[in-house]
Amino acid sequence: MLKTPSPAAAEATGHAVGVSNEAFKAALSRLAAGVVLVTAQEPSLDPDDPLAPTGEDVGMTATAFMSVSLDPPLVLVSLREGSRMDDLLDEQPRWAVSVLTESQRHIAGRFAMKGRISDRLLFEDIPYVRGRASGAPLVGGALATLECSTEQRVPAGDHTLVIGRVLTAELPSAEGGPLMYFRGRYRQLG
């Protein structure tokens, strides 16, 4: 049983009476979510020099991703405020999403690690193509891939909600089911 904070403790943390971090996490861990890889390419260090090297590819596993609107086609991803991806998407308006299959659990785990190695090494043995609209990596064998352009950034507590207009939508693979996240673990549907 999770403990309920006292009214004084709730006031000090900014949480409503009866909601602790542990209770909130435990309750929402019961919500199954699909797993995606959000990717973007850092801008060139010198955009005016065509010979300057392009920026590094960056990737992040996300479960807080959803469709927002059909007309226009909009999606939303929630990013931890101040994370590398949040900072990058603040300056780079084009990004991509790969909807991972149950056989791509290793990719999700790799890009979710804390204190991980450089993103360049993380992408090294993953098959991908570059998106024609974003330049971002699109994971080979993903159930679906989307390329997006940021329409709006909304601060929300300790996260930023990034709303993107979908520029391209592809279905590279029909094999396998979606990778799911439930009760703090990656799962298969069914």
N, C-alpha and C. Protein backbone atom coordinates (compact mmCIF):
# COMPACT_ATOMS: atom_id res chain seq x y z
N MET A 1 0.84 -1.19 0.00
CA MET A 1 0.00 0.00 0.00
C MET A 1 0.88 1.24 0.00
N LEU A 2 0.54 2.19 -0.85
CA LEU A 2 1.31 3.42 -0.94
C LEU A 2 0.80 4.43 0.07
N LYS A 3 1.74 5.12 0.70
CA LYS A 3 1.38 6.09 1.73
C LYS A 3 0.88 7.39 1.12
N THR A 4 -0.08 7.99 1.78
CA THR A 4 -0.62 9.28 1.39
C THR A 4 0.14 10.35 2.15
N PRO A 5 0.64 11.37 1.46
CA PRO A 5 1.37 12.42 2.18
C PRO A 5 0.43 13.25 3.05
N SER A 6 0.99 13.80 4.11
CA SER A 6 0.21 14.69 4.96
C SER A 6 -0.11 15.96 4.18
N PRO A 7 -1.14 16.71 4.58
CA PRO A 7 -1.44 17.96 3.88
C PRO A 7 -0.25 18.91 3.85
N ALA A 8 0.54 18.97 4.94
CA ALA A 8 1.71 19.86 4.97
C ALA A 8 2.76 19.39 3.96
N ALA A 9 2.97 18.08 3.88
CA ALA A 9 3.95 17.53 2.94
C ALA A 9 3.48 17.74 1.50
N ALA A 10 2.18 17.57 1.28
CA ALA A 10 1.63 17.77 -0.07
C ALA A 10 1.83 19.22 -0.50
N GLU A 11 1.60 20.15 0.43
CA GLU A 11 1.76 21.56 0.11
C GLU A 11 3.21 21.88 -0.21
N ALA A 12 4.15 21.27 0.52
CA ALA A 12 5.57 21.53 0.31
C ALA A 12 6.05 21.01 -1.05
N THR A 13 5.48 19.89 -1.53
CA THR A 13 5.93 19.31 -2.80
C THR A 13 5.12 19.81 -3.99
N GLY A 14 4.03 20.50 -3.76
CA GLY A 14 3.20 20.98 -4.86
C GLY A 14 2.20 19.95 -5.33
N HIS A 15 2.17 18.77 -4.70
CA HIS A 15 1.21 17.73 -5.08
C HIS A 15 -0.11 17.95 -4.34
N ALA A 16 -1.17 17.50 -4.98
CA ALA A 16 -2.47 17.54 -4.33
C ALA A 16 -2.45 16.61 -3.12
N VAL A 17 -3.27 16.89 -2.16
CA VAL A 17 -3.38 16.02 -0.98
C VAL A 17 -3.76 14.62 -1.47
N GLY A 18 -3.02 13.62 -1.00
CA GLY A 18 -3.34 12.25 -1.36
C GLY A 18 -2.57 11.72 -2.56
N VAL A 19 -1.74 12.54 -3.21
CA VAL A 19 -0.99 12.07 -4.37
C VAL A 19 0.50 12.21 -4.11
N SER A 20 1.16 11.09 -3.94
CA SER A 20 2.62 11.09 -3.81
C SER A 20 3.22 10.71 -5.15
N ASN A 21 4.51 10.97 -5.30
CA ASN A 21 5.20 10.56 -6.53
C ASN A 21 5.03 9.06 -6.76
N GLU A 22 5.17 8.28 -5.69
CA GLU A 22 5.08 6.82 -5.80
C GLU A 22 3.68 6.39 -6.23
N ALA A 23 2.64 6.99 -5.63
CA ALA A 23 1.26 6.63 -5.98
C ALA A 23 0.96 7.01 -7.42
N PHE A 24 1.42 8.18 -7.83
CA PHE A 24 1.20 8.64 -9.21
C PHE A 24 1.88 7.70 -10.20
N LYS A 25 3.16 7.37 -9.96
CA LYS A 25 3.89 6.45 -10.84
C LYS A 25 3.23 5.08 -10.88
N ALA A 26 2.84 4.56 -9.72
CA ALA A 26 2.22 3.23 -9.66
C ALA A 26 0.91 3.19 -10.43
N ALA A 27 0.10 4.22 -10.28
CA ALA A 27 -1.19 4.26 -10.96
C ALA A 27 -1.00 4.32 -12.48
N LEU A 28 -0.09 5.17 -12.94
CA LEU A 28 0.08 5.32 -14.39
C LEU A 28 0.89 4.19 -15.01
N SER A 29 1.59 3.41 -14.19
CA SER A 29 2.31 2.25 -14.74
C SER A 29 1.32 1.19 -15.22
N ARG A 30 0.05 1.31 -14.80
CA ARG A 30 -0.99 0.38 -15.24
C ARG A 30 -1.57 0.75 -16.60
N LEU A 31 -1.12 1.86 -17.15
CA LEU A 31 -1.57 2.29 -18.48
C LEU A 31 -0.57 1.78 -19.51
N ALA A 32 -0.99 0.86 -20.34
CA ALA A 32 -0.12 0.32 -21.38
C ALA A 32 0.10 1.39 -22.45
N ALA A 33 1.33 1.48 -22.93
CA ALA A 33 1.66 2.48 -23.94
C ALA A 33 2.54 1.86 -25.01
N GLY A 34 2.36 2.33 -26.24
CA GLY A 34 3.25 1.93 -27.32
C GLY A 34 4.60 2.59 -27.13
N VAL A 35 5.63 2.01 -27.74
CA VAL A 35 6.99 2.53 -27.60
C VAL A 35 7.48 3.02 -28.96
N VAL A 36 8.03 4.23 -28.96
CA VAL A 36 8.56 4.83 -30.18
C VAL A 36 9.99 5.29 -29.94
N LEU A 37 10.71 5.46 -31.03
CA LEU A 37 12.02 6.09 -30.98
C LEU A 37 11.88 7.44 -31.68
N VAL A 38 12.13 8.51 -30.93
CA VAL A 38 12.11 9.87 -31.47
C VAL A 38 13.54 10.19 -31.89
N THR A 39 13.72 10.68 -33.11
CA THR A 39 15.06 10.98 -33.61
C THR A 39 15.10 12.36 -34.26
N ALA A 40 16.28 12.92 -34.26
CA ALA A 40 16.51 14.21 -34.93
C ALA A 40 17.99 14.29 -35.25
N GLN A 41 18.32 15.16 -36.17
CA GLN A 41 19.72 15.39 -36.50
C GLN A 41 20.08 16.80 -36.07
N GLU A 42 21.15 16.90 -35.29
CA GLU A 42 21.61 18.23 -34.88
C GLU A 42 21.95 19.05 -36.12
N PRO A 43 21.68 20.34 -36.08
CA PRO A 43 22.05 21.18 -37.22
C PRO A 43 23.57 21.22 -37.39
N SER A 44 24.00 21.50 -38.59
CA SER A 44 25.43 21.65 -38.87
C SER A 44 26.00 22.76 -38.00
N LEU A 45 27.26 22.60 -37.63
CA LEU A 45 27.90 23.64 -36.82
C LEU A 45 28.06 24.94 -37.60
N ASP A 46 28.15 24.83 -38.93
CA ASP A 46 28.25 26.01 -39.78
C ASP A 46 27.32 25.83 -40.98
N PRO A 47 26.05 26.21 -40.84
CA PRO A 47 25.08 25.98 -41.91
C PRO A 47 25.40 26.72 -43.21
N ASP A 48 26.25 27.75 -43.14
CA ASP A 48 26.61 28.50 -44.34
C ASP A 48 27.72 27.82 -45.14
N ASP A 49 28.39 26.84 -44.54
CA ASP A 49 29.49 26.14 -45.21
C ASP A 49 29.01 24.76 -45.65
N PRO A 50 28.83 24.54 -46.96
CA PRO A 50 28.34 23.24 -47.43
C PRO A 50 29.31 22.09 -47.15
N LEU A 51 30.57 22.40 -46.85
CA LEU A 51 31.55 21.36 -46.55
C LEU A 51 31.65 21.05 -45.05
N ALA A 52 30.97 21.85 -44.24
CA ALA A 52 30.99 21.61 -42.79
C ALA A 52 30.28 20.30 -42.48
N PRO A 53 30.79 19.55 -41.50
CA PRO A 53 30.13 18.28 -41.17
C PRO A 53 28.73 18.51 -40.61
N THR A 54 27.86 17.55 -40.91
CA THR A 54 26.51 17.63 -40.35
C THR A 54 26.57 17.30 -38.87
N GLY A 55 25.54 17.66 -38.16
CA GLY A 55 25.49 17.39 -36.74
C GLY A 55 25.23 15.92 -36.46
N GLU A 56 25.35 15.54 -35.22
CA GLU A 56 25.17 14.17 -34.78
C GLU A 56 23.69 13.79 -34.76
N ASP A 57 23.40 12.51 -35.02
CA ASP A 57 22.04 11.99 -34.86
C ASP A 57 21.77 11.79 -33.38
N VAL A 58 20.55 12.09 -32.96
CA VAL A 58 20.15 11.95 -31.57
C VAL A 58 18.87 11.13 -31.53
N GLY A 59 18.76 10.23 -30.55
CA GLY A 59 17.57 9.40 -30.41
C GLY A 59 17.13 9.29 -28.96
N MET A 60 15.84 9.06 -28.76
CA MET A 60 15.27 8.94 -27.43
C MET A 60 14.05 8.03 -27.47
N THR A 61 13.99 7.07 -26.56
CA THR A 61 12.81 6.22 -26.43
C THR A 61 11.71 7.01 -25.75
N ALA A 62 10.48 6.87 -26.24
CA ALA A 62 9.35 7.57 -25.63
C ALA A 62 8.13 6.66 -25.59
N THR A 63 7.36 6.79 -24.52
CA THR A 63 6.07 6.11 -24.42
C THR A 63 4.94 7.13 -24.34
N ALA A 64 5.28 8.40 -24.11
CA ALA A 64 4.28 9.46 -24.07
C ALA A 64 4.21 10.10 -25.44
N PHE A 65 3.55 9.39 -26.37
CA PHE A 65 3.42 9.82 -27.75
C PHE A 65 1.98 9.53 -28.17
N MET A 66 1.37 10.46 -28.87
CA MET A 66 -0.03 10.24 -29.26
C MET A 66 -0.42 11.09 -30.47
N SER A 67 -1.49 10.65 -31.11
CA SER A 67 -2.11 11.41 -32.18
C SER A 67 -2.91 12.55 -31.55
N VAL A 68 -2.88 13.72 -32.18
CA VAL A 68 -3.61 14.87 -31.66
C VAL A 68 -4.75 15.27 -32.58
N SER A 69 -4.48 15.28 -33.90
CA SER A 69 -5.46 15.80 -34.85
C SER A 69 -5.28 15.11 -36.19
N LEU A 70 -6.39 14.93 -36.90
CA LEU A 70 -6.35 14.38 -38.25
C LEU A 70 -6.22 15.49 -39.28
N ASP A 71 -6.88 16.63 -39.04
CA ASP A 71 -6.86 17.72 -39.99
C ASP A 71 -6.58 19.03 -39.27
N PRO A 72 -5.34 19.50 -39.24
CA PRO A 72 -4.17 18.93 -39.89
C PRO A 72 -3.63 17.74 -39.10
N PRO A 73 -2.81 16.89 -39.74
CA PRO A 73 -2.26 15.74 -39.03
C PRO A 73 -1.22 16.19 -38.00
N LEU A 74 -1.55 16.03 -36.72
CA LEU A 74 -0.67 16.45 -35.63
C LEU A 74 -0.45 15.30 -34.66
N VAL A 75 0.76 15.24 -34.10
CA VAL A 75 1.11 14.29 -33.05
C VAL A 75 1.75 15.05 -31.91
N LEU A 76 1.87 14.39 -30.76
CA LEU A 76 2.45 15.01 -29.57
C LEU A 76 3.42 14.04 -28.94
N VAL A 77 4.56 14.55 -28.51
CA VAL A 77 5.50 13.77 -27.71
C VAL A 77 5.85 14.59 -26.49
N SER A 78 5.97 13.92 -25.35
CA SER A 78 6.31 14.57 -24.10
C SER A 78 7.79 14.32 -23.81
N LEU A 79 8.55 15.40 -23.62
CA LEU A 79 9.99 15.32 -23.38
C LEU A 79 10.33 15.89 -22.01
N ARG A 80 11.23 15.23 -21.29
CA ARG A 80 11.67 15.76 -20.01
C ARG A 80 12.34 17.10 -20.25
N GLU A 81 11.89 18.12 -19.52
CA GLU A 81 12.43 19.47 -19.67
C GLU A 81 13.94 19.46 -19.43
N GLY A 82 14.67 20.08 -20.36
CA GLY A 82 16.12 20.17 -20.23
C GLY A 82 16.87 18.94 -20.71
N SER A 83 16.15 17.92 -21.20
CA SER A 83 16.82 16.74 -21.75
C SER A 83 17.50 17.12 -23.06
N ARG A 84 18.38 16.26 -23.52
CA ARG A 84 19.07 16.56 -24.78
C ARG A 84 18.07 16.71 -25.92
N MET A 85 17.05 15.82 -25.97
CA MET A 85 16.07 15.90 -27.05
C MET A 85 15.22 17.17 -26.93
N ASP A 86 14.86 17.55 -25.72
CA ASP A 86 14.09 18.78 -25.52
C ASP A 86 14.90 19.97 -26.02
N ASP A 87 16.17 20.04 -25.65
CA ASP A 87 17.02 21.14 -26.09
C ASP A 87 17.18 21.14 -27.61
N LEU A 88 17.38 19.94 -28.19
CA LEU A 88 17.58 19.85 -29.64
C LEU A 88 16.32 20.27 -30.40
N LEU A 89 15.14 19.78 -29.95
CA LEU A 89 13.91 20.13 -30.68
C LEU A 89 13.50 21.59 -30.45
N ASP A 90 14.14 22.25 -29.52
CA ASP A 90 13.92 23.68 -29.34
C ASP A 90 14.62 24.47 -30.45
N GLU A 91 15.70 23.90 -31.01
CA GLU A 91 16.42 24.59 -32.09
C GLU A 91 16.26 23.92 -33.44
N GLN A 92 15.92 22.64 -33.46
CA GLN A 92 15.76 21.88 -34.71
C GLN A 92 14.27 21.58 -34.90
N PRO A 93 13.60 22.23 -35.86
CA PRO A 93 12.16 22.05 -35.99
C PRO A 93 11.72 20.73 -36.64
N ARG A 94 12.62 20.00 -37.26
CA ARG A 94 12.24 18.77 -37.95
C ARG A 94 12.77 17.56 -37.19
N TRP A 95 11.92 16.57 -37.02
CA TRP A 95 12.25 15.37 -36.26
C TRP A 95 11.43 14.21 -36.77
N ALA A 96 11.71 13.01 -36.25
CA ALA A 96 11.03 11.82 -36.74
C ALA A 96 10.67 10.88 -35.60
N VAL A 97 9.75 9.98 -35.90
CA VAL A 97 9.30 8.97 -34.94
C VAL A 97 9.24 7.63 -35.65
N SER A 98 9.79 6.60 -35.02
CA SER A 98 9.68 5.22 -35.51
C SER A 98 8.88 4.43 -34.49
N VAL A 99 7.76 3.85 -34.90
CA VAL A 99 6.93 3.03 -34.01
C VAL A 99 7.57 1.64 -33.97
N LEU A 100 8.08 1.25 -32.81
CA LEU A 100 8.87 0.03 -32.69
C LEU A 100 8.02 -1.24 -32.60
N THR A 101 8.57 -2.32 -33.15
CA THR A 101 7.93 -3.63 -33.08
C THR A 101 8.41 -4.36 -31.84
N GLU A 102 7.70 -5.43 -31.48
CA GLU A 102 8.08 -6.21 -30.31
C GLU A 102 9.48 -6.80 -30.44
N SER A 103 9.97 -6.99 -31.66
CA SER A 103 11.33 -7.52 -31.86
C SER A 103 12.39 -6.42 -31.76
N GLN A 104 11.99 -5.18 -31.56
CA GLN A 104 12.95 -4.07 -31.47
C GLN A 104 13.12 -3.58 -30.03
N ARG A 105 12.86 -4.44 -29.08
CA ARG A 105 13.01 -4.12 -27.65
C ARG A 105 14.42 -3.63 -27.35
N HIS A 106 15.42 -4.25 -27.98
CA HIS A 106 16.82 -3.86 -27.74
C HIS A 106 17.07 -2.40 -28.14
N ILE A 107 16.40 -1.92 -29.18
CA ILE A 107 16.55 -0.53 -29.60
C ILE A 107 15.95 0.39 -28.54
N ALA A 108 14.76 0.04 -28.07
CA ALA A 108 14.10 0.85 -27.04
C ALA A 108 14.97 0.93 -25.79
N GLY A 109 15.49 -0.21 -25.36
CA GLY A 109 16.33 -0.24 -24.16
C GLY A 109 17.61 0.55 -24.33
N ARG A 110 18.20 0.44 -25.48
CA ARG A 110 19.47 1.13 -25.76
C ARG A 110 19.31 2.65 -25.65
N PHE A 111 18.23 3.19 -26.21
CA PHE A 111 18.05 4.64 -26.23
C PHE A 111 17.36 5.16 -24.97
N ALA A 112 17.00 4.27 -24.05
CA ALA A 112 16.40 4.68 -22.79
C ALA A 112 17.40 4.67 -21.64
N MET A 113 18.61 4.15 -21.89
CA MET A 113 19.62 4.02 -20.83
C MET A 113 20.04 5.37 -20.28
N LYS A 114 20.21 5.40 -18.96
CA LYS A 114 20.79 6.58 -18.33
C LYS A 114 22.31 6.45 -18.39
N GLY A 115 23.01 7.54 -18.56
CA GLY A 115 24.47 7.51 -18.62
C GLY A 115 24.98 6.69 -19.80
N ARG A 116 24.24 6.73 -20.88
CA ARG A 116 24.58 5.91 -22.05
C ARG A 116 25.77 6.49 -22.82
N ILE A 117 26.26 5.65 -23.73
CA ILE A 117 27.35 6.09 -24.61
C ILE A 117 26.80 7.08 -25.62
N SER A 118 27.67 7.59 -26.46
CA SER A 118 27.24 8.61 -27.42
C SER A 118 26.17 8.06 -28.37
N ASP A 119 25.31 8.92 -28.82
CA ASP A 119 24.26 8.52 -29.75
C ASP A 119 24.85 7.97 -31.05
N ARG A 120 25.98 8.51 -31.47
CA ARG A 120 26.62 8.03 -32.70
C ARG A 120 26.86 6.52 -32.61
N LEU A 121 27.37 6.06 -31.47
CA LEU A 121 27.62 4.63 -31.29
C LEU A 121 26.32 3.84 -31.15
N LEU A 122 25.29 4.44 -30.60
CA LEU A 122 24.01 3.74 -30.44
C LEU A 122 23.37 3.44 -31.79
N PHE A 123 23.56 4.33 -32.76
CA PHE A 123 22.97 4.14 -34.09
C PHE A 123 23.81 3.20 -34.97
N GLU A 124 25.05 2.94 -34.54
CA GLU A 124 26.02 2.27 -35.39
C GLU A 124 25.54 0.97 -36.04
N ASP A 125 24.89 0.09 -35.30
CA ASP A 125 24.49 -1.21 -35.88
C ASP A 125 22.97 -1.35 -36.05
N ILE A 126 22.28 -0.22 -36.06
CA ILE A 126 20.83 -0.25 -36.26
C ILE A 126 20.55 0.12 -37.72
N PRO A 127 19.81 -0.74 -38.44
CA PRO A 127 19.48 -0.36 -39.82
C PRO A 127 18.48 0.81 -39.83
N TYR A 128 18.81 1.83 -40.61
CA TYR A 128 17.91 2.98 -40.73
C TYR A 128 18.13 3.65 -42.06
N VAL A 129 17.15 4.45 -42.43
CA VAL A 129 17.27 5.32 -43.59
C VAL A 129 17.07 6.75 -43.11
N ARG A 130 17.54 7.69 -43.87
CA ARG A 130 17.33 9.10 -43.53
C ARG A 130 16.01 9.56 -44.09
N GLY A 131 15.24 10.24 -43.25
CA GLY A 131 13.99 10.81 -43.71
C GLY A 131 14.23 11.90 -44.73
N ARG A 132 13.44 11.90 -45.78
CA ARG A 132 13.64 12.91 -46.82
C ARG A 132 13.18 14.30 -46.39
N ALA A 133 12.26 14.38 -45.44
CA ALA A 133 11.77 15.69 -44.97
C ALA A 133 12.53 16.21 -43.76
N SER A 134 13.05 15.30 -42.92
CA SER A 134 13.69 15.71 -41.68
C SER A 134 15.19 15.47 -41.63
N GLY A 135 15.67 14.52 -42.44
CA GLY A 135 17.07 14.12 -42.36
C GLY A 135 17.35 13.23 -41.16
N ALA A 136 16.35 12.99 -40.33
CA ALA A 136 16.51 12.18 -39.12
C ALA A 136 16.48 10.69 -39.46
N PRO A 137 17.12 9.86 -38.64
CA PRO A 137 17.08 8.42 -38.86
C PRO A 137 15.66 7.86 -38.66
N LEU A 138 15.25 6.97 -39.59
CA LEU A 138 14.00 6.23 -39.49
C LEU A 138 14.38 4.77 -39.39
N VAL A 139 14.02 4.12 -38.30
CA VAL A 139 14.45 2.76 -38.00
C VAL A 139 13.88 1.76 -39.01
N GLY A 140 14.77 0.95 -39.59
CA GLY A 140 14.34 -0.10 -40.50
C GLY A 140 13.50 -1.14 -39.77
N GLY A 141 12.46 -1.62 -40.42
CA GLY A 141 11.60 -2.64 -39.83
C GLY A 141 10.59 -2.12 -38.82
N ALA A 142 10.53 -0.80 -38.62
CA ALA A 142 9.53 -0.23 -37.70
C ALA A 142 8.13 -0.45 -38.27
N LEU A 143 7.13 -0.50 -37.39
CA LEU A 143 5.75 -0.66 -37.85
C LEU A 143 5.28 0.55 -38.66
N ALA A 144 5.73 1.73 -38.25
CA ALA A 144 5.39 2.97 -38.94
C ALA A 144 6.49 3.99 -38.66
N THR A 145 6.65 4.91 -39.59
CA THR A 145 7.57 6.04 -39.37
C THR A 145 6.85 7.33 -39.75
N LEU A 146 7.14 8.37 -39.00
CA LEU A 146 6.56 9.69 -39.24
C LEU A 146 7.67 10.71 -39.21
N GLU A 147 7.58 11.70 -40.07
CA GLU A 147 8.48 12.84 -39.99
C GLU A 147 7.61 14.05 -39.66
N CYS A 148 8.13 14.88 -38.78
CA CYS A 148 7.31 15.97 -38.24
C CYS A 148 8.06 17.29 -38.25
N SER A 149 7.28 18.35 -38.20
CA SER A 149 7.80 19.71 -38.04
C SER A 149 7.09 20.31 -36.83
N THR A 150 7.86 20.84 -35.90
CA THR A 150 7.28 21.37 -34.66
C THR A 150 6.34 22.53 -34.95
N GLU A 151 5.11 22.38 -34.44
CA GLU A 151 4.10 23.45 -34.54
C GLU A 151 4.04 24.26 -33.26
N GLN A 152 4.22 23.56 -32.13
CA GLN A 152 4.03 24.23 -30.84
C GLN A 152 4.79 23.49 -29.75
N ARG A 153 5.31 24.23 -28.79
CA ARG A 153 5.96 23.66 -27.60
C ARG A 153 5.20 24.20 -26.40
N VAL A 154 4.75 23.29 -25.53
CA VAL A 154 3.94 23.69 -24.38
C VAL A 154 4.62 23.22 -23.10
N PRO A 155 5.06 24.15 -22.23
CA PRO A 155 5.62 23.72 -20.94
C PRO A 155 4.52 23.05 -20.12
N ALA A 156 4.85 21.92 -19.49
CA ALA A 156 3.88 21.18 -18.69
C ALA A 156 4.61 20.53 -17.52
N GLY A 157 4.65 21.21 -16.37
CA GLY A 157 5.35 20.67 -15.21
C GLY A 157 6.82 20.51 -15.53
N ASP A 158 7.37 19.30 -15.31
CA ASP A 158 8.78 19.06 -15.58
C ASP A 158 9.02 18.50 -16.99
N HIS A 159 8.03 18.66 -17.87
CA HIS A 159 8.14 18.19 -19.25
C HIS A 159 7.76 19.31 -20.23
N THR A 160 8.10 19.07 -21.49
CA THR A 160 7.67 19.94 -22.58
C THR A 160 6.86 19.07 -23.53
N LEU A 161 5.66 19.52 -23.87
CA LEU A 161 4.83 18.82 -24.85
C LEU A 161 5.15 19.43 -26.21
N VAL A 162 5.67 18.60 -27.11
CA VAL A 162 6.03 19.07 -28.44
C VAL A 162 4.98 18.54 -29.41
N ILE A 163 4.27 19.47 -30.04
CA ILE A 163 3.24 19.12 -31.02
C ILE A 163 3.84 19.31 -32.40
N GLY A 164 3.78 18.24 -33.19
CA GLY A 164 4.38 18.29 -34.51
C GLY A 164 3.39 18.01 -35.61
N ARG A 165 3.53 18.74 -36.72
CA ARG A 165 2.73 18.47 -37.93
C ARG A 165 3.41 17.33 -38.67
N VAL A 166 2.64 16.32 -39.03
CA VAL A 166 3.18 15.16 -39.72
C VAL A 166 3.40 15.54 -41.19
N LEU A 167 4.65 15.37 -41.63
CA LEU A 167 5.04 15.70 -43.00
C LEU A 167 5.05 14.46 -43.89
N THR A 168 5.44 13.33 -43.32
CA THR A 168 5.43 12.05 -44.04
C THR A 168 4.97 10.96 -43.09
N ALA A 169 4.31 9.96 -43.62
CA ALA A 169 3.89 8.79 -42.84
C ALA A 169 4.08 7.57 -43.73
N GLU A 170 4.88 6.62 -43.25
CA GLU A 170 5.19 5.41 -44.01
C GLU A 170 4.93 4.18 -43.15
N LEU A 171 4.68 3.06 -43.81
CA LEU A 171 4.47 1.78 -43.13
C LEU A 171 5.53 0.80 -43.64
N PRO A 172 6.78 0.88 -43.11
CA PRO A 172 7.85 0.05 -43.65
C PRO A 172 7.70 -1.43 -43.37
N SER A 173 6.97 -1.81 -42.30
CA SER A 173 6.88 -3.23 -41.96
C SER A 173 5.49 -3.58 -41.46
N ALA A 174 5.02 -4.73 -41.88
CA ALA A 174 3.74 -5.25 -41.38
C ALA A 174 3.99 -6.48 -40.52
N GLU A 175 5.27 -6.75 -40.24
CA GLU A 175 5.64 -7.94 -39.47
C GLU A 175 5.63 -7.66 -37.98
N GLY A 176 5.03 -8.59 -37.22
CA GLY A 176 5.07 -8.50 -35.76
C GLY A 176 4.09 -7.51 -35.19
N GLY A 177 4.02 -7.51 -33.88
CA GLY A 177 3.13 -6.60 -33.17
C GLY A 177 3.90 -5.43 -32.59
N PRO A 178 3.20 -4.52 -31.96
CA PRO A 178 3.85 -3.34 -31.39
C PRO A 178 4.57 -3.68 -30.09
N LEU A 179 5.64 -2.95 -29.81
CA LEU A 179 6.30 -3.04 -28.52
C LEU A 179 5.50 -2.19 -27.54
N MET A 180 5.18 -2.76 -26.39
CA MET A 180 4.38 -2.07 -25.38
C MET A 180 5.20 -1.86 -24.11
N TYR A 181 4.79 -0.88 -23.32
CA TYR A 181 5.41 -0.62 -22.02
C TYR A 181 4.29 -0.66 -20.99
N PHE A 182 4.45 -1.55 -20.00
CA PHE A 182 3.41 -1.74 -18.97
C PHE A 182 4.08 -2.17 -17.67
N ARG A 183 3.70 -1.52 -16.57
CA ARG A 183 4.25 -1.81 -15.24
C ARG A 183 5.77 -1.78 -15.22
N GLY A 184 6.32 -0.77 -15.90
CA GLY A 184 7.75 -0.55 -15.86
C GLY A 184 8.61 -1.48 -16.68
N ARG A 185 7.97 -2.25 -17.60
CA ARG A 185 8.72 -3.19 -18.43
C ARG A 185 8.19 -3.18 -19.86
N TYR A 186 9.08 -3.53 -20.79
CA TYR A 186 8.66 -3.71 -22.18
C TYR A 186 7.91 -5.02 -22.28
N ARG A 187 6.82 -5.02 -23.04
CA ARG A 187 5.97 -6.21 -23.17
C ARG A 187 5.55 -6.39 -24.63
N GLN A 188 5.05 -7.58 -24.91
CA GLN A 188 4.46 -7.87 -26.21
C GLN A 188 2.96 -7.86 -26.06
N LEU A 189 2.28 -7.47 -27.11
CA LEU A 189 0.82 -7.47 -27.11
C LEU A 189 0.32 -8.90 -27.19
N GLY A 190 -0.62 -9.24 -26.35
CA GLY A 190 -1.23 -10.57 -26.43
C GLY A 190 -0.64 -11.62 -25.58
